[in-house]
């Protein structure tokens, strides 16, 4: 695959040491892009009914853009699937709908309507909330669509249990993930052969880091959800994080909590009651990239629901969580 930045990188390199650093960065991003596009094309070639999960977060947005590039000038041969926990940020839902409409994707939104009617929420149900409102509706949607290859934007650097994933992660007929059953992947060879009832979760961004992702967003001027950029927002401080009160009528306040306005942004996005924001003045892509590179904190520290020991996410994955 031709390097789309070769001439730019070479020209910049002539400028000396600074140009050489830029050339290296461009070459690195070009390699990551080429690998991701290769994975997308290879998996689609083997799939009968592919689908791409779309949370409207930065990872899935970049992945959807890579799909647009991979199958240009045609449309990506799969829909976007969003699992709506019913506790999503409203601005994220608006961005999701606008993105699909702008880029011509078919968007499928699926929710556990029985759970919504029963009032299942992240305040009272803890980890069972994720199981009932994300994991179970995800499995139901995949079964209903009879999807065999499911693309997702997970990266290995996000969390230690995700580092155990292969690029092609085979799941059982019950969508169970077993790290002991992961297939070897040598020399970028991906085994997409599936047995009866099996499906494959495919992660084209596996080898990307958070910094790579932001560099790519900056390079291509990719529009992201506004929550990634600093803005005054109503928050309460909880568990060392700032929880943005996206819907005051449904917020469950704890004794002594008061809503205050703070300039915050998010590094990772989930359901608004269990996702912590950070104080920041980074209101555009350039300053977000700079701030991210300086940060000493984990990207997922804002996921209040992950659990303090880091083991919670692995258990969710074994239950079928993406």
C-alpha atoms as a PDB file:
ATOM      1  CA  UNK A   1       0.000   0.000   0.000  1.00  0.00           C
ATOM      2  CA  UNK A   2       1.382   3.402  -0.973  1.00  0.00           C
ATOM      3  CA  UNK A   3       2.382   5.689   1.858  1.00  0.00           C
ATOM      4  CA  UNK A   4      -0.062   8.638   1.670  1.00  0.00           C
ATOM      5  CA  UNK A   5       2.342  10.886   3.577  1.00  0.00           C
ATOM      6  CA  UNK A   6       5.639   9.931   1.951  1.00  0.00           C
ATOM      7  CA  UNK A   7       6.217  13.179   0.082  1.00  0.00           C
ATOM      8  CA  UNK A   8       5.188  15.269   3.089  1.00  0.00           C
ATOM      9  CA  UNK A   9       7.454  13.315   5.375  1.00  0.00           C
ATOM     10  CA  UNK A  10      10.407  13.539   3.006  1.00  0.00           C
ATOM     11  CA  UNK A  11       9.938  17.256   2.530  1.00  0.00           C
ATOM     12  CA  UNK A  12       9.723  17.850   6.246  1.00  0.00           C
ATOM     13  CA  UNK A  13      12.775  15.707   6.893  1.00  0.00           C
ATOM     14  CA  UNK A  14      14.885  18.072   4.813  1.00  0.00           C
ATOM     15  CA  UNK A  15      14.282  20.726   7.460  1.00  0.00           C
ATOM     16  CA  UNK A  16      16.708  19.013   9.850  1.00  0.00           C
ATOM     17  CA  UNK A  17      16.190  17.341  13.214  1.00  0.00           C
ATOM     18  CA  UNK A  18      12.717  18.761  13.758  1.00  0.00           C
ATOM     19  CA  UNK A  19      11.681  17.610  10.314  1.00  0.00           C
ATOM     20  CA  UNK A  20      13.164  14.179  10.983  1.00  0.00           C
ATOM     21  CA  UNK A  21      10.993  13.758  14.086  1.00  0.00           C
ATOM     22  CA  UNK A  22       7.918  14.753  12.075  1.00  0.00           C
ATOM     23  CA  UNK A  23       8.863  12.329   9.303  1.00  0.00           C
ATOM     24  CA  UNK A  24       9.155   9.497  11.822  1.00  0.00           C
ATOM     25  CA  UNK A  25       5.754  10.324  13.282  1.00  0.00           C
ATOM     26  CA  UNK A  26       4.126  10.461   9.853  1.00  0.00           C
ATOM     27  CA  UNK A  27       5.720   7.164   8.859  1.00  0.00           C
ATOM     28  CA  UNK A  28       4.523   5.550  12.102  1.00  0.00           C
ATOM     29  CA  UNK A  29       0.933   6.758  11.592  1.00  0.00           C
ATOM     30  CA  UNK A  30       1.034   5.634   7.983  1.00  0.00           C
ATOM     31  CA  UNK A  31       2.095   2.148   9.063  1.00  0.00           C
ATOM     32  CA  UNK A  32      -0.689   1.959  11.663  1.00  0.00           C
ATOM     33  CA  UNK A  33      -3.259   3.148   9.153  1.00  0.00           C
ATOM     34  CA  UNK A  34      -2.111   0.600   6.574  1.00  0.00           C
ATOM     35  CA  UNK A  35      -2.280  -2.229   9.130  1.00  0.00           C
ATOM     36  CA  UNK A  36      -5.798  -1.258  10.235  1.00  0.00           C
ATOM     37  CA  UNK A  37      -7.042  -1.000   6.654  1.00  0.00           C
ATOM     38  CA  UNK A  38      -5.497  -4.397   5.886  1.00  0.00           C
ATOM     39  CA  UNK A  39      -7.304  -5.941   8.877  1.00  0.00           C
ATOM     40  CA  UNK A  40     -10.633  -4.373   7.863  1.00  0.00           C
ATOM     41  CA  UNK A  41     -10.372  -5.647   4.296  1.00  0.00           C
ATOM     42  CA  UNK A  42      -9.179  -9.121   5.279  1.00  0.00           C
ATOM     43  CA  UNK A  43     -11.950  -9.570   7.838  1.00  0.00           C
ATOM     44  CA  UNK A  44     -14.680  -8.332   5.490  1.00  0.00           C
ATOM     45  CA  UNK A  45     -13.431 -10.725   2.807  1.00  0.00           C
ATOM     46  CA  UNK A  46     -13.975 -13.639   5.206  1.00  0.00           C
ATOM     47  CA  UNK A  47     -17.207 -12.400   6.802  1.00  0.00           C
ATOM     48  CA  UNK A  48     -20.775 -13.284   5.912  1.00  0.00           C
ATOM     49  CA  UNK A  49     -22.452 -10.594   8.034  1.00  0.00           C
ATOM     50  CA  UNK A  50     -19.978  -8.027   9.398  1.00  0.00           C
ATOM     51  CA  UNK A  51     -20.918  -5.134  11.687  1.00  0.00           C
ATOM     52  CA  UNK A  52     -18.996  -2.325  13.380  1.00  0.00           C
ATOM     53  CA  UNK A  53     -19.702  -1.289  16.956  1.00  0.00           C
ATOM     54  CA  UNK A  54     -19.991   2.475  17.267  1.00  0.00           C
ATOM     55  CA  UNK A  55     -20.077   4.177  20.649  1.00  0.00           C
ATOM     56  CA  UNK A  56     -19.435   7.643  19.150  1.00  0.00           C
ATOM     57  CA  UNK A  57     -16.267   7.822  21.271  1.00  0.00           C
ATOM     58  CA  UNK A  58     -12.898   8.775  19.815  1.00  0.00           C
ATOM     59  CA  UNK A  59     -11.752   5.193  19.133  1.00  0.00           C
ATOM     60  CA  UNK A  60     -14.877   4.094  17.285  1.00  0.00           C
ATOM     61  CA  UNK A  61     -14.981   7.394  15.384  1.00  0.00           C
ATOM     62  CA  UNK A  62     -11.407   6.933  14.140  1.00  0.00           C
ATOM     63  CA  UNK A  63     -12.169   3.296  13.300  1.00  0.00           C
ATOM     64  CA  UNK A  64     -15.220   4.340  11.261  1.00  0.00           C
ATOM     65  CA  UNK A  65     -13.068   6.882   9.389  1.00  0.00           C
ATOM     66  CA  UNK A  66     -10.543   4.128   8.635  1.00  0.00           C
ATOM     67  CA  UNK A  67     -13.392   2.017   7.253  1.00  0.00           C
ATOM     68  CA  UNK A  68     -14.400   4.889   4.973  1.00  0.00           C
ATOM     69  CA  UNK A  69     -10.825   5.052   3.680  1.00  0.00           C
ATOM     70  CA  UNK A  70     -10.516   1.258   3.385  1.00  0.00           C
ATOM     71  CA  UNK A  71     -13.525   0.876   1.077  1.00  0.00           C
ATOM     72  CA  UNK A  72     -13.416   4.199  -0.782  1.00  0.00           C
ATOM     73  CA  UNK A  73     -14.945   5.037  -3.255  1.00  0.00           C
ATOM     74  CA  UNK A  74     -17.623   2.590  -2.157  1.00  0.00           C
ATOM     75  CA  UNK A  75     -19.351   2.548   1.220  1.00  0.00           C
ATOM     76  CA  UNK A  76     -18.178   0.241   4.010  1.00  0.00           C
ATOM     77  CA  UNK A  77     -20.144  -3.019   3.575  1.00  0.00           C
ATOM     78  CA  UNK A  78     -21.541  -3.107   7.099  1.00  0.00           C
ATOM     79  CA  UNK A  79     -23.763  -1.054   9.422  1.00  0.00           C
ATOM     80  CA  UNK A  80     -22.811   0.723  12.625  1.00  0.00           C
ATOM     81  CA  UNK A  81     -24.270  -0.809  15.786  1.00  0.00           C
ATOM     82  CA  UNK A  82     -24.701   1.286  18.917  1.00  0.00           C
ATOM     83  CA  UNK A  83     -25.728  -0.255  22.237  1.00  0.00           C
ATOM     84  CA  UNK A  84     -27.643   2.474  24.035  1.00  0.00           C
ATOM     85  CA  UNK A  85     -27.413   1.968  27.795  1.00  0.00           C
ATOM     86  CA  UNK A  86     -30.141   4.663  28.148  1.00  0.00           C
ATOM     87  CA  UNK A  87     -27.643   6.615  30.301  1.00  0.00           C
ATOM     88  CA  UNK A  88     -25.622   8.055  27.444  1.00  0.00           C
ATOM     89  CA  UNK A  89     -24.593  11.702  27.243  1.00  0.00           C
ATOM     90  CA  UNK A  90     -27.221  13.455  25.122  1.00  0.00           C
ATOM     91  CA  UNK A  91     -24.558  15.288  23.123  1.00  0.00           C
ATOM     92  CA  UNK A  92     -22.978  11.903  22.315  1.00  0.00           C
ATOM     93  CA  UNK A  93     -26.279  10.612  20.927  1.00  0.00           C
ATOM     94  CA  UNK A  94     -26.563  13.765  18.817  1.00  0.00           C
ATOM     95  CA  UNK A  95     -23.008  13.286  17.521  1.00  0.00           C
ATOM     96  CA  UNK A  96     -23.707   9.598  16.777  1.00  0.00           C
ATOM     97  CA  UNK A  97     -26.738  10.424  14.643  1.00  0.00           C
ATOM     98  CA  UNK A  98     -24.998  13.284  12.848  1.00  0.00           C
ATOM     99  CA  UNK A  99     -21.916  11.167  12.089  1.00  0.00           C
ATOM    100  CA  UNK A 100     -23.918   8.308  10.577  1.00  0.00           C
ATOM    101  CA  UNK A 101     -26.037  10.694   8.529  1.00  0.00           C
ATOM    102  CA  UNK A 102     -23.049  12.714   7.256  1.00  0.00           C
ATOM    103  CA  UNK A 103     -21.030   9.677   6.179  1.00  0.00           C
ATOM    104  CA  UNK A 104     -23.867   7.558   4.829  1.00  0.00           C
ATOM    105  CA  UNK A 105     -23.695   4.725   7.358  1.00  0.00           C
ATOM    106  CA  UNK A 106     -26.697   2.630   8.265  1.00  0.00           C
ATOM    107  CA  UNK A 107     -27.038   3.042  12.036  1.00  0.00           C
ATOM    108  CA  UNK A 108     -28.639   0.408  14.255  1.00  0.00           C
ATOM    109  CA  UNK A 109     -29.340   1.494  17.835  1.00  0.00           C
ATOM    110  CA  UNK A 110     -30.302  -1.225  20.291  1.00  0.00           C
ATOM    111  CA  UNK A 111     -31.298  -0.966  23.956  1.00  0.00           C
ATOM    112  CA  UNK A 112     -32.659  -3.214  26.679  1.00  0.00           C
ATOM    113  CA  UNK A 113     -36.155  -1.726  26.684  1.00  0.00           C
ATOM    114  CA  UNK A 114     -37.325  -4.045  29.465  1.00  0.00           C
ATOM    115  CA  UNK A 115     -34.413  -2.835  31.591  1.00  0.00           C
ATOM    116  CA  UNK A 116     -35.235   0.761  30.789  1.00  0.00           C
ATOM    117  CA  UNK A 117     -38.867   0.216  31.804  1.00  0.00           C
ATOM    118  CA  UNK A 118     -37.749  -1.489  35.032  1.00  0.00           C
ATOM    119  CA  UNK A 119     -35.584   1.509  35.921  1.00  0.00           C
ATOM    120  CA  UNK A 120     -32.253  -0.336  35.932  1.00  0.00           C
ATOM    121  CA  UNK A 121     -29.612   2.294  36.629  1.00  0.00           C
ATOM    122  CA  UNK A 122     -25.900   2.607  37.487  1.00  0.00           C
ATOM    123  CA  UNK A 123     -26.598   3.971  40.975  1.00  0.00           C
ATOM    124  CA  UNK A 124     -28.441   0.945  42.393  1.00  0.00           C
ATOM    125  CA  UNK A 125     -27.197  -1.975  40.310  1.00  0.00           C
ATOM    126  CA  UNK A 126     -23.384  -1.608  40.220  1.00  0.00           C
ATOM    127  CA  UNK A 127     -21.721  -4.064  37.829  1.00  0.00           C
ATOM    128  CA  UNK A 128     -25.086  -5.710  37.111  1.00  0.00           C
ATOM    129  CA  UNK A 129     -26.075  -2.502  35.375  1.00  0.00           C
ATOM    130  CA  UNK A 130     -23.322  -3.027  32.767  1.00  0.00           C
ATOM    131  CA  UNK A 131     -24.348  -6.666  32.371  1.00  0.00           C
ATOM    132  CA  UNK A 132     -28.040  -5.869  31.946  1.00  0.00           C
ATOM    133  CA  UNK A 133     -27.849  -2.638  29.948  1.00  0.00           C
ATOM    134  CA  UNK A 134     -24.723  -3.157  27.837  1.00  0.00           C
ATOM    135  CA  UNK A 135     -23.577  -6.779  27.716  1.00  0.00           C
ATOM    136  CA  UNK A 136     -26.933  -8.540  27.380  1.00  0.00           C
ATOM    137  CA  UNK A 137     -28.371  -6.131  24.771  1.00  0.00           C
ATOM    138  CA  UNK A 138     -25.101  -6.385  22.830  1.00  0.00           C
ATOM    139  CA  UNK A 139     -25.385 -10.172  22.682  1.00  0.00           C
ATOM    140  CA  UNK A 140     -29.078  -9.922  21.779  1.00  0.00           C
ATOM    141  CA  UNK A 141     -28.348  -7.471  18.951  1.00  0.00           C
ATOM    142  CA  UNK A 142     -25.547  -9.654  17.575  1.00  0.00           C
ATOM    143  CA  UNK A 143     -27.753 -12.737  17.691  1.00  0.00           C
ATOM    144  CA  UNK A 144     -30.650 -10.897  16.058  1.00  0.00           C
ATOM    145  CA  UNK A 145     -28.442  -9.640  13.230  1.00  0.00           C
ATOM    146  CA  UNK A 146     -26.637 -12.981  12.916  1.00  0.00           C
ATOM    147  CA  UNK A 147     -23.338 -11.089  12.733  1.00  0.00           C
ATOM    148  CA  UNK A 148     -20.231 -13.226  12.502  1.00  0.00           C
ATOM    149  CA  UNK A 149     -17.489 -10.569  12.379  1.00  0.00           C
ATOM    150  CA  UNK A 150     -17.828  -7.648  14.797  1.00  0.00           C
ATOM    151  CA  UNK A 151     -15.376  -4.758  14.524  1.00  0.00           C
ATOM    152  CA  UNK A 152     -14.528  -2.734  17.619  1.00  0.00           C
ATOM    153  CA  UNK A 153     -12.181   0.085  18.543  1.00  0.00           C
ATOM    154  CA  UNK A 154     -10.492  -1.424  21.623  1.00  0.00           C
ATOM    155  CA  UNK A 155      -6.747  -0.858  21.963  1.00  0.00           C
ATOM    156  CA  UNK A 156      -4.285  -2.992  23.910  1.00  0.00           C
ATOM    157  CA  UNK A 157      -2.813  -0.034  25.787  1.00  0.00           C
ATOM    158  CA  UNK A 158      -6.135   0.892  27.425  1.00  0.00           C
ATOM    159  CA  UNK A 159      -6.230  -1.718  30.179  1.00  0.00           C
ATOM    160  CA  UNK A 160      -4.293  -4.845  31.155  1.00  0.00           C
ATOM    161  CA  UNK A 161      -7.054  -7.351  30.327  1.00  0.00           C
ATOM    162  CA  UNK A 162      -7.323  -5.864  26.827  1.00  0.00           C
ATOM    163  CA  UNK A 163      -3.615  -6.493  26.368  1.00  0.00           C
ATOM    164  CA  UNK A 164      -4.478 -10.218  26.355  1.00  0.00           C
ATOM    165  CA  UNK A 165      -6.665  -9.839  23.275  1.00  0.00           C
ATOM    166  CA  UNK A 166      -5.599 -10.906  19.818  1.00  0.00           C
ATOM    167  CA  UNK A 167      -6.573  -8.752  16.863  1.00  0.00           C
ATOM    168  CA  UNK A 168      -9.030 -11.500  15.932  1.00  0.00           C
ATOM    169  CA  UNK A 169     -10.703 -12.655  19.145  1.00  0.00           C
ATOM    170  CA  UNK A 170     -12.898 -15.715  18.698  1.00  0.00           C
ATOM    171  CA  UNK A 171     -16.014 -15.963  20.862  1.00  0.00           C
ATOM    172  CA  UNK A 172     -18.176 -18.994  21.611  1.00  0.00           C
ATOM    173  CA  UNK A 173     -21.816 -19.413  20.588  1.00  0.00           C
ATOM    174  CA  UNK A 174     -22.676 -17.657  23.897  1.00  0.00           C
ATOM    175  CA  UNK A 175     -20.262 -14.806  23.087  1.00  0.00           C
ATOM    176  CA  UNK A 176     -17.898 -15.975  25.832  1.00  0.00           C
ATOM    177  CA  UNK A 177     -14.277 -14.795  25.707  1.00  0.00           C
ATOM    178  CA  UNK A 178     -11.671 -17.264  26.964  1.00  0.00           C
ATOM    179  CA  UNK A 179      -8.101 -15.861  26.995  1.00  0.00           C
ATOM    180  CA  UNK A 180      -6.713 -19.419  26.939  1.00  0.00           C
ATOM    181  CA  UNK A 181      -8.350 -20.043  23.567  1.00  0.00           C
ATOM    182  CA  UNK A 182      -6.745 -17.104  21.758  1.00  0.00           C
ATOM    183  CA  UNK A 183      -5.115 -18.028  18.468  1.00  0.00           C
ATOM    184  CA  UNK A 184      -1.493 -17.148  17.639  1.00  0.00           C
ATOM    185  CA  UNK A 185      -1.022 -14.293  15.180  1.00  0.00           C
ATOM    186  CA  UNK A 186       2.369 -14.376  13.474  1.00  0.00           C
ATOM    187  CA  UNK A 187       3.531 -12.062  10.710  1.00  0.00           C
ATOM    188  CA  UNK A 188       0.177 -10.269  10.480  1.00  0.00           C
ATOM    189  CA  UNK A 189      -1.648 -13.472   9.566  1.00  0.00           C
ATOM    190  CA  UNK A 190      -5.183 -13.496  10.977  1.00  0.00           C
ATOM    191  CA  UNK A 191      -7.218 -16.681  11.335  1.00  0.00           C
ATOM    192  CA  UNK A 192     -10.892 -15.854  10.758  1.00  0.00           C
ATOM    193  CA  UNK A 193     -12.035 -19.459  10.384  1.00  0.00           C
ATOM    194  CA  UNK A 194     -15.084 -19.907  12.603  1.00  0.00           C
ATOM    195  CA  UNK A 195     -16.841 -22.990  13.909  1.00  0.00           C
ATOM    196  CA  UNK A 196     -20.581 -23.390  14.208  1.00  0.00           C
ATOM    197  CA  UNK A 197     -22.055 -20.651  16.370  1.00  0.00           C
ATOM    198  CA  UNK A 198     -18.741 -18.868  16.827  1.00  0.00           C
ATOM    199  CA  UNK A 199     -18.146 -15.213  16.052  1.00  0.00           C
ATOM    200  CA  UNK A 200     -15.035 -13.039  15.889  1.00  0.00           C
ATOM    201  CA  UNK A 201     -14.464  -9.710  17.574  1.00  0.00           C
ATOM    202  CA  UNK A 202     -11.912  -7.907  15.411  1.00  0.00           C
ATOM    203  CA  UNK A 203      -9.839  -5.000  16.742  1.00  0.00           C
ATOM    204  CA  UNK A 204      -8.049  -3.074  13.959  1.00  0.00           C
ATOM    205  CA  UNK A 205      -6.761  -0.455  16.437  1.00  0.00           C
ATOM    206  CA  UNK A 206      -5.066  -3.001  18.709  1.00  0.00           C
ATOM    207  CA  UNK A 207      -1.558  -1.650  18.133  1.00  0.00           C
ATOM    208  CA  UNK A 208      -2.494   2.022  18.432  1.00  0.00           C
ATOM    209  CA  UNK A 209      -1.869   4.062  21.565  1.00  0.00           C
ATOM    210  CA  UNK A 210      -3.926   6.963  22.871  1.00  0.00           C
ATOM    211  CA  UNK A 211      -1.236   9.348  21.582  1.00  0.00           C
ATOM    212  CA  UNK A 212      -1.315   7.678  18.133  1.00  0.00           C
ATOM    213  CA  UNK A 213      -5.053   8.146  18.011  1.00  0.00           C
ATOM    214  CA  UNK A 214      -4.883  11.843  18.825  1.00  0.00           C
ATOM    215  CA  UNK A 215      -2.031  12.395  16.357  1.00  0.00           C
ATOM    216  CA  UNK A 216      -4.165  10.773  13.667  1.00  0.00           C
ATOM    217  CA  UNK A 217      -7.184  12.898  14.589  1.00  0.00           C
ATOM    218  CA  UNK A 218      -4.985  15.988  14.383  1.00  0.00           C
ATOM    219  CA  UNK A 219      -3.447  14.915  11.078  1.00  0.00           C
ATOM    220  CA  UNK A 220      -6.816  14.344   9.386  1.00  0.00           C
ATOM    221  CA  UNK A 221      -8.827  16.993  11.243  1.00  0.00           C
ATOM    222  CA  UNK A 222     -11.360  14.364  12.302  1.00  0.00           C
ATOM    223  CA  UNK A 223     -14.385  15.766  14.076  1.00  0.00           C
ATOM    224  CA  UNK A 224     -14.986  14.217  17.498  1.00  0.00           C
ATOM    225  CA  UNK A 225     -17.711  14.462  20.106  1.00  0.00           C
ATOM    226  CA  UNK A 226     -17.567  17.801  21.934  1.00  0.00           C
ATOM    227  CA  UNK A 227     -17.120  16.077  25.311  1.00  0.00           C
ATOM    228  CA  UNK A 228     -13.431  15.496  24.527  1.00  0.00           C
ATOM    229  CA  UNK A 229     -12.795  19.237  24.589  1.00  0.00           C
ATOM    230  CA  UNK A 230     -12.768  21.495  27.634  1.00  0.00           C
ATOM    231  CA  UNK A 231     -15.874  23.524  28.332  1.00  0.00           C
ATOM    232  CA  UNK A 232     -17.716  24.793  31.434  1.00  0.00           C
ATOM    233  CA  UNK A 233     -19.963  21.955  32.608  1.00  0.00           C
ATOM    234  CA  UNK A 234     -22.071  21.257  35.723  1.00  0.00           C
ATOM    235  CA  UNK A 235     -20.276  18.685  37.893  1.00  0.00           C
ATOM    236  CA  UNK A 236     -20.181  17.033  41.295  1.00  0.00           C
ATOM    237  CA  UNK A 237     -16.947  15.706  42.776  1.00  0.00           C
ATOM    238  CA  UNK A 238     -17.123  11.971  43.475  1.00  0.00           C
ATOM    239  CA  UNK A 239     -14.420   9.335  44.088  1.00  0.00           C
ATOM    240  CA  UNK A 240     -11.746  11.843  43.134  1.00  0.00           C
ATOM    241  CA  UNK A 241     -13.358  12.549  39.757  1.00  0.00           C
ATOM    242  CA  UNK A 242     -15.779  15.108  38.407  1.00  0.00           C
ATOM    243  CA  UNK A 243     -19.096  13.599  37.317  1.00  0.00           C
ATOM    244  CA  UNK A 244     -20.898  15.785  34.794  1.00  0.00           C
ATOM    245  CA  UNK A 245     -24.589  16.067  35.644  1.00  0.00           C
ATOM    246  CA  UNK A 246     -26.012  15.439  32.191  1.00  0.00           C
ATOM    247  CA  UNK A 247     -29.599  14.939  33.392  1.00  0.00           C
ATOM    248  CA  UNK A 248     -30.327  16.508  36.769  1.00  0.00           C
ATOM    249  CA  UNK A 249     -33.766  14.887  36.954  1.00  0.00           C
ATOM    250  CA  UNK A 250     -32.170  11.420  37.014  1.00  0.00           C
ATOM    251  CA  UNK A 251     -28.997  12.237  38.953  1.00  0.00           C
ATOM    252  CA  UNK A 252     -28.676  10.535  42.349  1.00  0.00           C
ATOM    253  CA  UNK A 253     -26.915  13.018  44.617  1.00  0.00           C
ATOM    254  CA  UNK A 254     -24.999  11.900  47.684  1.00  0.00           C
ATOM    255  CA  UNK A 255     -25.143  13.797  51.002  1.00  0.00           C
ATOM    256  CA  UNK A 256     -23.224  17.052  50.842  1.00  0.00           C
ATOM    257  CA  UNK A 257     -22.819  17.068  47.059  1.00  0.00           C
ATOM    258  CA  UNK A 258     -23.454  20.323  45.259  1.00  0.00           C
ATOM    259  CA  UNK A 259     -23.451  21.047  41.554  1.00  0.00           C
ATOM    260  CA  UNK A 260     -20.729  23.513  40.529  1.00  0.00           C
ATOM    261  CA  UNK A 261     -19.516  24.737  37.151  1.00  0.00           C
ATOM    262  CA  UNK A 262     -16.010  23.643  36.186  1.00  0.00           C
ATOM    263  CA  UNK A 263     -14.094  23.669  32.928  1.00  0.00           C
ATOM    264  CA  UNK A 264     -13.596  19.969  32.229  1.00  0.00           C
ATOM    265  CA  UNK A 265     -13.193  17.470  29.435  1.00  0.00           C
ATOM    266  CA  UNK A 266     -13.095  13.683  29.058  1.00  0.00           C
ATOM    267  CA  UNK A 267     -10.317  11.325  27.983  1.00  0.00           C
ATOM    268  CA  UNK A 268     -12.686   8.355  27.833  1.00  0.00           C
ATOM    269  CA  UNK A 269     -16.467   8.193  27.566  1.00  0.00           C
ATOM    270  CA  UNK A 270     -19.038   5.853  29.055  1.00  0.00           C
ATOM    271  CA  UNK A 271     -22.361   6.263  30.820  1.00  0.00           C
ATOM    272  CA  UNK A 272     -22.418   9.742  32.296  1.00  0.00           C
ATOM    273  CA  UNK A 273     -23.039   8.836  35.987  1.00  0.00           C
ATOM    274  CA  UNK A 274     -19.951   6.569  36.087  1.00  0.00           C
ATOM    275  CA  UNK A 275     -17.487   8.461  33.888  1.00  0.00           C
ATOM    276  CA  UNK A 276     -15.173  11.034  35.426  1.00  0.00           C
ATOM    277  CA  UNK A 277     -14.072  14.223  33.717  1.00  0.00           C
ATOM    278  CA  UNK A 278     -10.776  16.027  34.282  1.00  0.00           C
ATOM    279  CA  UNK A 279     -10.156  19.715  34.834  1.00  0.00           C
ATOM    280  CA  UNK A 280      -8.631  21.122  31.680  1.00  0.00           C
ATOM    281  CA  UNK A 281      -8.337  24.176  29.472  1.00  0.00           C
ATOM    282  CA  UNK A 282      -7.661  22.093  26.338  1.00  0.00           C
ATOM    283  CA  UNK A 283     -10.462  23.217  24.030  1.00  0.00           C
ATOM    284  CA  UNK A 284      -9.042  22.187  20.634  1.00  0.00           C
ATOM    285  CA  UNK A 285      -7.278  19.182  19.155  1.00  0.00           C
ATOM    286  CA  UNK A 286      -3.793  20.704  19.319  1.00  0.00           C
ATOM    287  CA  UNK A 287      -3.949  21.466  23.045  1.00  0.00           C
ATOM    288  CA  UNK A 288      -5.619  18.119  23.803  1.00  0.00           C
ATOM    289  CA  UNK A 289      -2.739  16.314  22.071  1.00  0.00           C
ATOM    290  CA  UNK A 290      -0.185  18.331  24.023  1.00  0.00           C
ATOM    291  CA  UNK A 291      -1.974  17.726  27.328  1.00  0.00           C
ATOM    292  CA  UNK A 292      -2.342  13.989  26.630  1.00  0.00           C
ATOM    293  CA  UNK A 293       1.363  13.585  25.939  1.00  0.00           C
ATOM    294  CA  UNK A 294       2.216  15.290  29.259  1.00  0.00           C
ATOM    295  CA  UNK A 295      -0.277  13.329  31.348  1.00  0.00           C
ATOM    296  CA  UNK A 296       0.985  10.802  33.914  1.00  0.00           C
ATOM    297  CA  UNK A 297      -2.468   9.303  34.500  1.00  0.00           C
ATOM    298  CA  UNK A 298      -4.126   6.332  32.853  1.00  0.00           C
ATOM    299  CA  UNK A 299      -6.684   7.015  30.152  1.00  0.00           C
ATOM    300  CA  UNK A 300      -9.233   4.781  31.895  1.00  0.00           C
ATOM    301  CA  UNK A 301      -8.913   6.373  35.309  1.00  0.00           C
ATOM    302  CA  UNK A 302     -12.119   8.192  34.392  1.00  0.00           C
ATOM    303  CA  UNK A 303     -14.017   4.893  34.152  1.00  0.00           C
ATOM    304  CA  UNK A 304     -15.359   4.788  37.689  1.00  0.00           C
ATOM    305  CA  UNK A 305     -17.160   1.528  36.889  1.00  0.00           C
ATOM    306  CA  UNK A 306     -13.990  -0.430  35.992  1.00  0.00           C
ATOM    307  CA  UNK A 307     -13.259  -1.251  39.617  1.00  0.00           C
ATOM    308  CA  UNK A 308     -10.221  -0.424  41.660  1.00  0.00           C
ATOM    309  CA  UNK A 309      -8.410  -3.718  41.115  1.00  0.00           C
ATOM    310  CA  UNK A 310      -8.631  -3.656  37.323  1.00  0.00           C
ATOM    311  CA  UNK A 311     -10.149  -7.141  37.294  1.00  0.00           C
ATOM    312  CA  UNK A 312     -13.716  -6.007  36.777  1.00  0.00           C
ATOM    313  CA  UNK A 313     -13.287  -5.332  33.058  1.00  0.00           C
ATOM    314  CA  UNK A 314     -11.898  -8.815  32.394  1.00  0.00           C
ATOM    315  CA  UNK A 315     -14.905 -10.392  34.101  1.00  0.00           C
ATOM    316  CA  UNK A 316     -17.230  -8.259  31.972  1.00  0.00           C
ATOM    317  CA  UNK A 317     -15.408  -9.405  28.834  1.00  0.00           C
ATOM    318  CA  UNK A 318     -15.831 -13.057  29.856  1.00  0.00           C
ATOM    319  CA  UNK A 319     -19.568 -12.383  30.170  1.00  0.00           C
ATOM    320  CA  UNK A 320     -19.676 -11.046  26.611  1.00  0.00           C
ATOM    321  CA  UNK A 321     -18.899  -7.340  27.075  1.00  0.00           C
ATOM    322  CA  UNK A 322     -16.995  -6.024  24.093  1.00  0.00           C
END
